[in-house]
Amino acid sequence: QLVQSGGGLVQAGESLRLSCAASGSIFSISDMGWYRQA
């Protein structure tokens, strides 16, 4: 299970941090990352 937090509305030039916490069978995980869809 992956639970994300962060995001929102900002102005150009500003910063944000996204987090993603994994739980469950985490021993099976290798790569992690972020995709995006506009």
PDB file of all heavy atoms in Angstrom:
ATOM      1  N   GLN A   1       0.855  -1.178   0.000  1.00  0.00           N
ATOM      2  CA  GLN A   1       0.000   0.000   0.000  1.00  0.00           C
ATOM      3  C   GLN A   1       0.899   1.240   0.000  1.00  0.00           C
ATOM      4  O   GLN A   1       1.881   1.310   0.738  1.00  0.00           O
ATOM      5  CB  GLN A   1      -0.912   0.026   1.222  1.00  0.00           C
ATOM      6  CG  GLN A   1      -1.944  -1.080   1.252  1.00  0.00           C
ATOM      7  CD  GLN A   1      -1.345  -2.393   1.714  1.00  0.00           C
ATOM      8  OE1 GLN A   1      -0.565  -2.449   2.656  1.00  0.00           O
ATOM      9  NE2 GLN A   1      -1.721  -3.483   1.044  1.00  0.00           N
ATOM     10  N   LEU A   2       0.532   2.193  -0.840  1.00  0.00           N
ATOM     11  CA  LEU A   2       1.275   3.455  -0.950  1.00  0.00           C
ATOM     12  C   LEU A   2       0.332   4.601  -0.605  1.00  0.00           C
ATOM     13  O   LEU A   2      -0.724   4.726  -1.219  1.00  0.00           O
ATOM     14  CB  LEU A   2       1.831   3.637  -2.359  1.00  0.00           C
ATOM     15  CG  LEU A   2       2.779   2.557  -2.868  1.00  0.00           C
ATOM     16  CD1 LEU A   2       3.166   2.832  -4.317  1.00  0.00           C
ATOM     17  CD2 LEU A   2       4.024   2.472  -2.000  1.00  0.00           C
ATOM     18  N   VAL A   3       0.720   5.417   0.349  1.00  0.00           N
ATOM     19  CA  VAL A   3      -0.086   6.558   0.760  1.00  0.00           C
ATOM     20  C   VAL A   3       0.708   7.824   0.536  1.00  0.00           C
ATOM     21  O   VAL A   3       1.775   8.010   1.132  1.00  0.00           O
ATOM     22  CB  VAL A   3      -0.518   6.443   2.228  1.00  0.00           C
ATOM     23  CG1 VAL A   3      -1.310   7.684   2.642  1.00  0.00           C
ATOM     24  CG2 VAL A   3      -1.348   5.190   2.439  1.00  0.00           C
ATOM     25  N   GLN A   4       0.173   8.690  -0.299  1.00  0.00           N
ATOM     26  CA  GLN A   4       0.852   9.927  -0.658  1.00  0.00           C
ATOM     27  C   GLN A   4       0.387  11.077   0.213  1.00  0.00           C
ATOM     28  O   GLN A   4      -0.736  11.108   0.707  1.00  0.00           O
ATOM     29  CB  GLN A   4       0.563  10.281  -2.122  1.00  0.00           C
ATOM     30  CG  GLN A   4       1.033   9.264  -3.122  1.00  0.00           C
ATOM     31  CD  GLN A   4       0.679   9.663  -4.535  1.00  0.00           C
ATOM     32  OE1 GLN A   4       0.395   8.806  -5.368  1.00  0.00           O
ATOM     33  NE2 GLN A   4       0.714  10.956  -4.836  1.00  0.00           N
ATOM     34  N   SER A   5       1.258  12.056   0.368  1.00  0.00           N
ATOM     35  CA  SER A   5       0.902  13.311   1.033  1.00  0.00           C
ATOM     36  C   SER A   5       1.692  14.437   0.389  1.00  0.00           C
ATOM     37  O   SER A   5       2.717  14.200  -0.267  1.00  0.00           O
ATOM     38  CB  SER A   5       1.175  13.241   2.535  1.00  0.00           C
ATOM     39  OG  SER A   5       2.540  12.972   2.783  1.00  0.00           O
ATOM     40  N   GLY A   6       1.219  15.638   0.610  1.00  0.00           N
ATOM     41  CA  GLY A   6       1.840  16.805  -0.004  1.00  0.00           C
ATOM     42  C   GLY A   6       1.030  17.255  -1.200  1.00  0.00           C
ATOM     43  O   GLY A   6      -0.078  16.785  -1.432  1.00  0.00           O
ATOM     44  N   GLY A   7       1.599  18.126  -1.989  1.00  0.00           N
ATOM     45  CA  GLY A   7       0.914  18.662  -3.153  1.00  0.00           C
ATOM     46  C   GLY A   7       0.112  19.900  -2.795  1.00  0.00           C
ATOM     47  O   GLY A   7       0.123  20.373  -1.657  1.00  0.00           O
ATOM     48  N   GLY A   8      -0.578  20.440  -3.795  1.00  0.00           N
ATOM     49  CA  GLY A   8      -1.391  21.626  -3.578  1.00  0.00           C
ATOM     50  C   GLY A   8      -1.180  22.654  -4.663  1.00  0.00           C
ATOM     51  O   GLY A   8      -0.714  22.348  -5.760  1.00  0.00           O
ATOM     52  N   LEU A   9      -1.535  23.888  -4.323  1.00  0.00           N
ATOM     53  CA  LEU A   9      -1.466  24.998  -5.264  1.00  0.00           C
ATOM     54  C   LEU A   9      -0.355  25.955  -4.846  1.00  0.00           C
ATOM     55  O   LEU A   9      -0.334  26.399  -3.683  1.00  0.00           O
ATOM     56  CB  LEU A   9      -2.809  25.729  -5.282  1.00  0.00           C
ATOM     57  CG  LEU A   9      -2.877  27.042  -6.064  1.00  0.00           C
ATOM     58  CD1 LEU A   9      -2.624  26.804  -7.546  1.00  0.00           C
ATOM     59  CD2 LEU A   9      -4.223  27.717  -5.835  1.00  0.00           C
ATOM     60  N   VAL A  10       0.553  26.236  -5.766  1.00  0.00           N
ATOM     61  CA  VAL A  10       1.629  27.177  -5.510  1.00  0.00           C
ATOM     62  C   VAL A  10       1.792  28.085  -6.708  1.00  0.00           C
ATOM     63  O   VAL A  10       1.254  27.812  -7.791  1.00  0.00           O
ATOM     64  CB  VAL A  10       2.972  26.474  -5.219  1.00  0.00           C
ATOM     65  CG1 VAL A  10       2.893  25.644  -3.952  1.00  0.00           C
ATOM     66  CG2 VAL A  10       3.406  25.619  -6.413  1.00  0.00           C
ATOM     67  N   GLN A  11       2.582  29.130  -6.525  1.00  0.00           N
ATOM     68  CA  GLN A  11       2.915  30.011  -7.635  1.00  0.00           C
ATOM     69  C   GLN A  11       4.219  29.570  -8.286  1.00  0.00           C
ATOM     70  O   GLN A  11       5.030  28.871  -7.660  1.00  0.00           O
ATOM     71  CB  GLN A  11       3.032  31.450  -7.135  1.00  0.00           C
ATOM     72  CG  GLN A  11       1.707  32.030  -6.655  1.00  0.00           C
ATOM     73  CD  GLN A  11       1.802  33.508  -6.329  1.00  0.00           C
ATOM     74  OE1 GLN A  11       2.880  34.012  -6.015  1.00  0.00           O
ATOM     75  NE2 GLN A  11       0.680  34.206  -6.415  1.00  0.00           N
ATOM     76  N   ALA A  12       4.388  29.981  -9.510  1.00  0.00           N
ATOM     77  CA  ALA A  12       5.623  29.663 -10.225  1.00  0.00           C
ATOM     78  C   ALA A  12       6.830  30.138  -9.429  1.00  0.00           C
ATOM     79  O   ALA A  12       6.813  31.239  -8.864  1.00  0.00           O
ATOM     80  CB  ALA A  12       5.611  30.303 -11.607  1.00  0.00           C
ATOM     81  N   GLY A  13       7.850  29.278  -9.381  1.00  0.00           N
ATOM     82  CA  GLY A  13       9.064  29.582  -8.652  1.00  0.00           C
ATOM     83  C   GLY A  13       9.089  29.052  -7.232  1.00  0.00           C
ATOM     84  O   GLY A  13      10.149  29.023  -6.609  1.00  0.00           O
ATOM     85  N   GLU A  14       7.956  28.659  -6.735  1.00  0.00           N
ATOM     86  CA  GLU A  14       7.891  28.134  -5.372  1.00  0.00           C
ATOM     87  C   GLU A  14       8.216  26.635  -5.327  1.00  0.00           C
ATOM     88  O   GLU A  14       8.510  26.027  -6.361  1.00  0.00           O
ATOM     89  CB  GLU A  14       6.516  28.416  -4.770  1.00  0.00           C
ATOM     90  CG  GLU A  14       6.254  29.903  -4.600  1.00  0.00           C
ATOM     91  CD  GLU A  14       4.926  30.195  -3.909  1.00  0.00           C
ATOM     92  OE1 GLU A  14       4.043  29.318  -3.913  1.00  0.00           O
ATOM     93  OE2 GLU A  14       4.783  31.311  -3.368  1.00  0.00           O
ATOM     94  N   SER A  15       8.179  26.092  -4.125  1.00  0.00           N
ATOM     95  CA  SER A  15       8.581  24.701  -3.923  1.00  0.00           C
ATOM     96  C   SER A  15       7.471  23.905  -3.265  1.00  0.00           C
ATOM     97  O   SER A  15       6.613  24.458  -2.559  1.00  0.00           O
ATOM     98  CB  SER A  15       9.826  24.629  -3.048  1.00  0.00           C
ATOM     99  OG  SER A  15      10.921  25.301  -3.652  1.00  0.00           O
ATOM    100  N   LEU A  16       7.509  22.611  -3.464  1.00  0.00           N
ATOM    101  CA  LEU A  16       6.616  21.668  -2.801  1.00  0.00           C
ATOM    102  C   LEU A  16       7.387  20.379  -2.556  1.00  0.00           C
ATOM    103  O   LEU A  16       8.333  20.062  -3.286  1.00  0.00           O
ATOM    104  CB  LEU A  16       5.396  21.330  -3.657  1.00  0.00           C
ATOM    105  CG  LEU A  16       4.222  22.297  -3.697  1.00  0.00           C
ATOM    106  CD1 LEU A  16       3.195  21.801  -4.714  1.00  0.00           C
ATOM    107  CD2 LEU A  16       3.569  22.411  -2.318  1.00  0.00           C
ATOM    108  N   ARG A  17       6.954  19.629  -1.545  1.00  0.00           N
ATOM    109  CA  ARG A  17       7.523  18.311  -1.316  1.00  0.00           C
ATOM    110  C   ARG A  17       6.402  17.294  -1.235  1.00  0.00           C
ATOM    111  O   ARG A  17       5.428  17.479  -0.482  1.00  0.00           O
ATOM    112  CB  ARG A  17       8.361  18.261  -0.045  1.00  0.00           C
ATOM    113  CG  ARG A  17       9.134  16.949   0.076  1.00  0.00           C
ATOM    114  CD  ARG A  17      10.089  16.910   1.247  1.00  0.00           C
ATOM    115  NE  ARG A  17       9.417  16.518   2.479  1.00  0.00           N
ATOM    116  CZ  ARG A  17      10.041  15.919   3.494  1.00  0.00           C
ATOM    117  NH1 ARG A  17      11.327  15.650   3.416  1.00  0.00           N
ATOM    118  NH2 ARG A  17       9.371  15.619   4.593  1.00  0.00           N
ATOM    119  N   LEU A  18       6.558  16.227  -1.992  1.00  0.00           N
ATOM    120  CA  LEU A  18       5.638  15.097  -1.955  1.00  0.00           C
ATOM    121  C   LEU A  18       6.273  13.956  -1.164  1.00  0.00           C
ATOM    122  O   LEU A  18       7.489  13.754  -1.230  1.00  0.00           O
ATOM    123  CB  LEU A  18       5.312  14.619  -3.367  1.00  0.00           C
ATOM    124  CG  LEU A  18       4.767  15.650  -4.358  1.00  0.00           C
ATOM    125  CD1 LEU A  18       4.482  14.983  -5.703  1.00  0.00           C
ATOM    126  CD2 LEU A  18       3.531  16.330  -3.820  1.00  0.00           C
ATOM    127  N   SER A  19       5.421  13.243  -0.443  1.00  0.00           N
ATOM    128  CA  SER A  19       5.879  12.073   0.303  1.00  0.00           C
ATOM    129  C   SER A  19       5.017  10.881  -0.075  1.00  0.00           C
ATOM    130  O   SER A  19       3.845  11.027  -0.420  1.00  0.00           O
ATOM    131  CB  SER A  19       5.775  12.314   1.811  1.00  0.00           C
ATOM    132  OG  SER A  19       6.565  13.407   2.208  1.00  0.00           O
ATOM    133  N   CYS A  20       5.599   9.716   0.026  1.00  0.00           N
ATOM    134  CA  CYS A  20       4.876   8.476  -0.270  1.00  0.00           C
ATOM    135  C   CYS A  20       5.378   7.402   0.684  1.00  0.00           C
ATOM    136  O   CYS A  20       6.550   7.021   0.615  1.00  0.00           O
ATOM    137  CB  CYS A  20       5.107   8.070  -1.718  1.00  0.00           C
ATOM    138  SG  CYS A  20       4.419   6.467  -2.171  1.00  0.00           S
ATOM    139  N   ALA A  21       4.489   6.948   1.549  1.00  0.00           N
ATOM    140  CA  ALA A  21       4.852   5.936   2.542  1.00  0.00           C
ATOM    141  C   ALA A  21       4.324   4.580   2.112  1.00  0.00           C
ATOM    142  O   ALA A  21       3.143   4.449   1.785  1.00  0.00           O
ATOM    143  CB  ALA A  21       4.290   6.319   3.907  1.00  0.00           C
ATOM    144  N   ALA A  22       5.191   3.598   2.137  1.00  0.00           N
ATOM    145  CA  ALA A  22       4.835   2.238   1.754  1.00  0.00           C
ATOM    146  C   ALA A  22       4.608   1.380   2.986  1.00  0.00           C
ATOM    147  O   ALA A  22       5.292   1.526   3.998  1.00  0.00           O
ATOM    148  CB  ALA A  22       5.935   1.631   0.897  1.00  0.00           C
ATOM    149  N   SER A  23       3.647   0.479   2.888  1.00  0.00           N
ATOM    150  CA  SER A  23       3.387  -0.485   3.958  1.00  0.00           C
ATOM    151  C   SER A  23       2.970  -1.806   3.323  1.00  0.00           C
ATOM    152  O   SER A  23       2.678  -1.874   2.134  1.00  0.00           O
ATOM    153  CB  SER A  23       2.314   0.032   4.909  1.00  0.00           C
ATOM    154  OG  SER A  23       1.089   0.212   4.216  1.00  0.00           O
ATOM    155  N   GLY A  24       2.950  -2.830   4.139  1.00  0.00           N
ATOM    156  CA  GLY A  24       2.598  -4.155   3.637  1.00  0.00           C
ATOM    157  C   GLY A  24       3.849  -4.960   3.302  1.00  0.00           C
ATOM    158  O   GLY A  24       4.801  -4.972   4.074  1.00  0.00           O
ATOM    159  N   SER A  25       3.855  -5.604   2.166  1.00  0.00           N
ATOM    160  CA  SER A  25       4.963  -6.489   1.763  1.00  0.00           C
ATOM    161  C   SER A  25       6.115  -5.672   1.181  1.00  0.00           C
ATOM    162  O   SER A  25       6.509  -5.848   0.020  1.00  0.00           O
ATOM    163  CB  SER A  25       4.472  -7.512   0.759  1.00  0.00           C
ATOM    164  OG  SER A  25       3.410  -8.281   1.289  1.00  0.00           O
ATOM    165  N   ILE A  26       6.671  -4.814   2.012  1.00  0.00           N
ATOM    166  CA  ILE A  26       7.678  -3.882   1.530  1.00  0.00           C
ATOM    167  C   ILE A  26       8.978  -4.575   1.159  1.00  0.00           C
ATOM    168  O   ILE A  26       9.793  -4.016   0.418  1.00  0.00           O
ATOM    169  CB  ILE A  26       7.933  -2.788   2.566  1.00  0.00           C
ATOM    170  CG1 ILE A  26       8.336  -3.389   3.908  1.00  0.00           C
ATOM    171  CG2 ILE A  26       6.727  -1.875   2.700  1.00  0.00           C
ATOM    172  CD1 ILE A  26       8.699  -2.386   4.964  1.00  0.00           C
ATOM    173  N   PHE A  27       9.206  -5.796   1.652  1.00  0.00           N
ATOM    174  CA  PHE A  27      10.415  -6.527   1.319  1.00  0.00           C
ATOM    175  C   PHE A  27      10.504  -6.802  -0.178  1.00  0.00           C
ATOM    176  O   PHE A  27      11.577  -7.054  -0.716  1.00  0.00           O
ATOM    177  CB  PHE A  27      10.464  -7.852   2.089  1.00  0.00           C
ATOM    178  CG  PHE A  27       9.322  -8.763   1.765  1.00  0.00           C
ATOM    179  CD1 PHE A  27       9.399  -9.667   0.697  1.00  0.00           C
ATOM    180  CD2 PHE A  27       8.159  -8.719   2.504  1.00  0.00           C
ATOM    181  CE1 PHE A  27       8.344 -10.494   0.388  1.00  0.00           C
ATOM    182  CE2 PHE A  27       7.095  -9.547   2.206  1.00  0.00           C
ATOM    183  CZ  PHE A  27       7.196 -10.437   1.146  1.00  0.00           C
ATOM    184  N   SER A  28       9.351  -6.759  -0.865  1.00  0.00           N
ATOM    185  CA  SER A  28       9.312  -7.081  -2.287  1.00  0.00           C
ATOM    186  C   SER A  28       9.622  -5.879  -3.183  1.00  0.00           C
ATOM    187  O   SER A  28       9.741  -6.021  -4.395  1.00  0.00           O
ATOM    188  CB  SER A  28       7.927  -7.631  -2.657  1.00  0.00           C
ATOM    189  OG  SER A  28       6.944  -6.628  -2.533  1.00  0.00           O
ATOM    190  N   ILE A  29       9.750  -4.692  -2.573  1.00  0.00           N
ATOM    191  CA  ILE A  29       9.932  -3.467  -3.353  1.00  0.00           C
ATOM    192  C   ILE A  29      11.381  -3.268  -3.745  1.00  0.00           C
ATOM    193  O   ILE A  29      12.284  -3.423  -2.923  1.00  0.00           O
ATOM    194  CB  ILE A  29       9.442  -2.254  -2.549  1.00  0.00           C
ATOM    195  CG1 ILE A  29       7.944  -2.339  -2.322  1.00  0.00           C
ATOM    196  CG2 ILE A  29       9.794  -0.954  -3.281  1.00  0.00           C
ATOM    197  CD1 ILE A  29       7.427  -1.238  -1.406  1.00  0.00           C
ATOM    198  N   SER A  30      11.594  -2.899  -5.001  1.00  0.00           N
ATOM    199  CA  SER A  30      12.926  -2.492  -5.432  1.00  0.00           C
ATOM    200  C   SER A  30      12.897  -0.999  -5.757  1.00  0.00           C
ATOM    201  O   SER A  30      13.031  -0.172  -4.886  1.00  0.00           O
ATOM    202  CB  SER A  30      13.398  -3.327  -6.620  1.00  0.00           C
ATOM    203  OG  SER A  30      12.476  -3.237  -7.695  1.00  0.00           O
ATOM    204  N   ASP A  31      12.639  -0.645  -6.990  1.00  0.00           N
ATOM    205  CA  ASP A  31      12.598   0.762  -7.371  1.00  0.00           C
ATOM    206  C   ASP A  31      11.338   1.441  -6.861  1.00  0.00           C
ATOM    207  O   ASP A  31      10.280   0.814  -6.726  1.00  0.00           O
ATOM    208  CB  ASP A  31      12.629   0.911  -8.895  1.00  0.00           C
ATOM    209  CG  ASP A  31      13.875   0.320  -9.514  1.00  0.00           C
ATOM    210  OD1 ASP A  31      14.773  -0.115  -8.762  1.00  0.00           O
ATOM    211  OD2 ASP A  31      13.935   0.283 -10.760  1.00  0.00           O
ATOM    212  N   MET A  32      11.467   2.720  -6.585  1.00  0.00           N
ATOM    213  CA  MET A  32      10.312   3.576  -6.286  1.00  0.00           C
ATOM    214  C   MET A  32      10.452   4.872  -7.069  1.00  0.00           C
ATOM    215  O   MET A  32      11.547   5.189  -7.569  1.00  0.00           O
ATOM    216  CB  MET A  32      10.209   3.874  -4.792  1.00  0.00           C
ATOM    217  CG  MET A  32       9.983   2.649  -3.931  1.00  0.00           C
ATOM    218  SD  MET A  32       9.710   3.049  -2.182  1.00  0.00           S
ATOM    219  CE  MET A  32       8.043   3.736  -2.242  1.00  0.00           C
ATOM    220  N   GLY A  33       9.359   5.597  -7.158  1.00  0.00           N
ATOM    221  CA  GLY A  33       9.469   6.856  -7.884  1.00  0.00           C
ATOM    222  C   GLY A  33       8.149   7.555  -8.046  1.00  0.00           C
ATOM    223  O   GLY A  33       7.172   7.231  -7.364  1.00  0.00           O
ATOM    224  N   TRP A  34       8.176   8.517  -8.956  1.00  0.00           N
ATOM    225  CA  TRP A  34       7.013   9.363  -9.191  1.00  0.00           C
ATOM    226  C   TRP A  34       6.747   9.500 -10.688  1.00  0.00           C
ATOM    227  O   TRP A  34       7.663   9.813 -11.463  1.00  0.00           O
ATOM    228  CB  TRP A  34       7.258  10.754  -8.601  1.00  0.00           C
ATOM    229  CG  TRP A  34       7.436  10.752  -7.128  1.00  0.00           C
ATOM    230  CD1 TRP A  34       8.607  10.571  -6.436  1.00  0.00           C
ATOM    231  CD2 TRP A  34       6.403  10.889  -6.149  1.00  0.00           C
ATOM    232  NE1 TRP A  34       8.359  10.604  -5.075  1.00  0.00           N
ATOM    233  CE2 TRP A  34       7.024  10.797  -4.880  1.00  0.00           C
ATOM    234  CE3 TRP A  34       5.029  11.095  -6.216  1.00  0.00           C
ATOM    235  CZ2 TRP A  34       6.289  10.913  -3.686  1.00  0.00           C
ATOM    236  CZ3 TRP A  34       4.322  11.202  -5.035  1.00  0.00           C
ATOM    237  CH2 TRP A  34       4.945  11.112  -3.796  1.00  0.00           C
ATOM    238  N   TYR A  35       5.505   9.265 -11.040  1.00  0.00           N
ATOM    239  CA  TYR A  35       5.010   9.577 -12.370  1.00  0.00           C
ATOM    240  C   TYR A  35       4.085  10.788 -12.251  1.00  0.00           C
ATOM    241  O   TYR A  35       3.600  11.100 -11.170  1.00  0.00           O
ATOM    242  CB  TYR A  35       4.226   8.401 -12.951  1.00  0.00           C
ATOM    243  CG  TYR A  35       5.071   7.353 -13.617  1.00  0.00           C
ATOM    244  CD1 TYR A  35       5.874   6.506 -12.861  1.00  0.00           C
ATOM    245  CD2 TYR A  35       5.053   7.193 -14.999  1.00  0.00           C
ATOM    246  CE1 TYR A  35       6.645   5.535 -13.481  1.00  0.00           C
ATOM    247  CE2 TYR A  35       5.821   6.223 -15.623  1.00  0.00           C
ATOM    248  CZ  TYR A  35       6.616   5.388 -14.857  1.00  0.00           C
ATOM    249  OH  TYR A  35       7.376   4.430 -15.471  1.00  0.00           O
ATOM    250  N   ARG A  36       3.844  11.426 -13.377  1.00  0.00           N
ATOM    251  CA  ARG A  36       2.886  12.525 -13.374  1.00  0.00           C
ATOM    252  C   ARG A  36       2.080  12.509 -14.659  1.00  0.00           C
ATOM    253  O   ARG A  36       2.552  12.055 -15.700  1.00  0.00           O
ATOM    254  CB  ARG A  36       3.592  13.862 -13.187  1.00  0.00           C
ATOM    255  CG  ARG A  36       4.561  14.251 -14.292  1.00  0.00           C
ATOM    256  CD  ARG A  36       5.254  15.554 -13.930  1.00  0.00           C
ATOM    257  NE  ARG A  36       6.110  16.042 -15.008  1.00  0.00           N
ATOM    258  CZ  ARG A  36       6.774  17.188 -14.969  1.00  0.00           C
ATOM    259  NH1 ARG A  36       6.693  17.982 -13.904  1.00  0.00           N
ATOM    260  NH2 ARG A  36       7.535  17.562 -15.987  1.00  0.00           N
ATOM    261  N   GLN A  37       0.856  13.029 -14.530  1.00  0.00           N
ATOM    262  CA  GLN A  37      -0.045  13.057 -15.675  1.00  0.00           C
ATOM    263  C   GLN A  37      -0.738  14.405 -15.721  1.00  0.00           C
ATOM    264  O   GLN A  37      -1.522  14.737 -14.822  1.00  0.00           O
ATOM    265  CB  GLN A  37      -1.063  11.925 -15.610  1.00  0.00           C
ATOM    266  CG  GLN A  37      -1.937  11.812 -16.837  1.00  0.00           C
ATOM    267  CD  GLN A  37      -2.723  10.525 -16.873  1.00  0.00           C
ATOM    268  OE1 GLN A  37      -2.896   9.844 -15.869  1.00  0.00           O
ATOM    269  NE2 GLN A  37      -3.192  10.159 -18.044  1.00  0.00           N
ATOM    270  N   ALA A  38      -0.440  15.154 -16.765  1.00  0.00           N
ATOM    271  CA  ALA A  38      -1.095  16.445 -16.979  1.00  0.00           C
ATOM    272  C   ALA A  38      -2.376  16.221 -17.772  1.00  0.00           C
ATOM    273  O   ALA A  38      -2.522  15.203 -18.460  1.00  0.00           O
ATOM    274  CB  ALA A  38      -0.153  17.383 -17.731  1.00  0.00           C
TER     275      ALA A  38
END
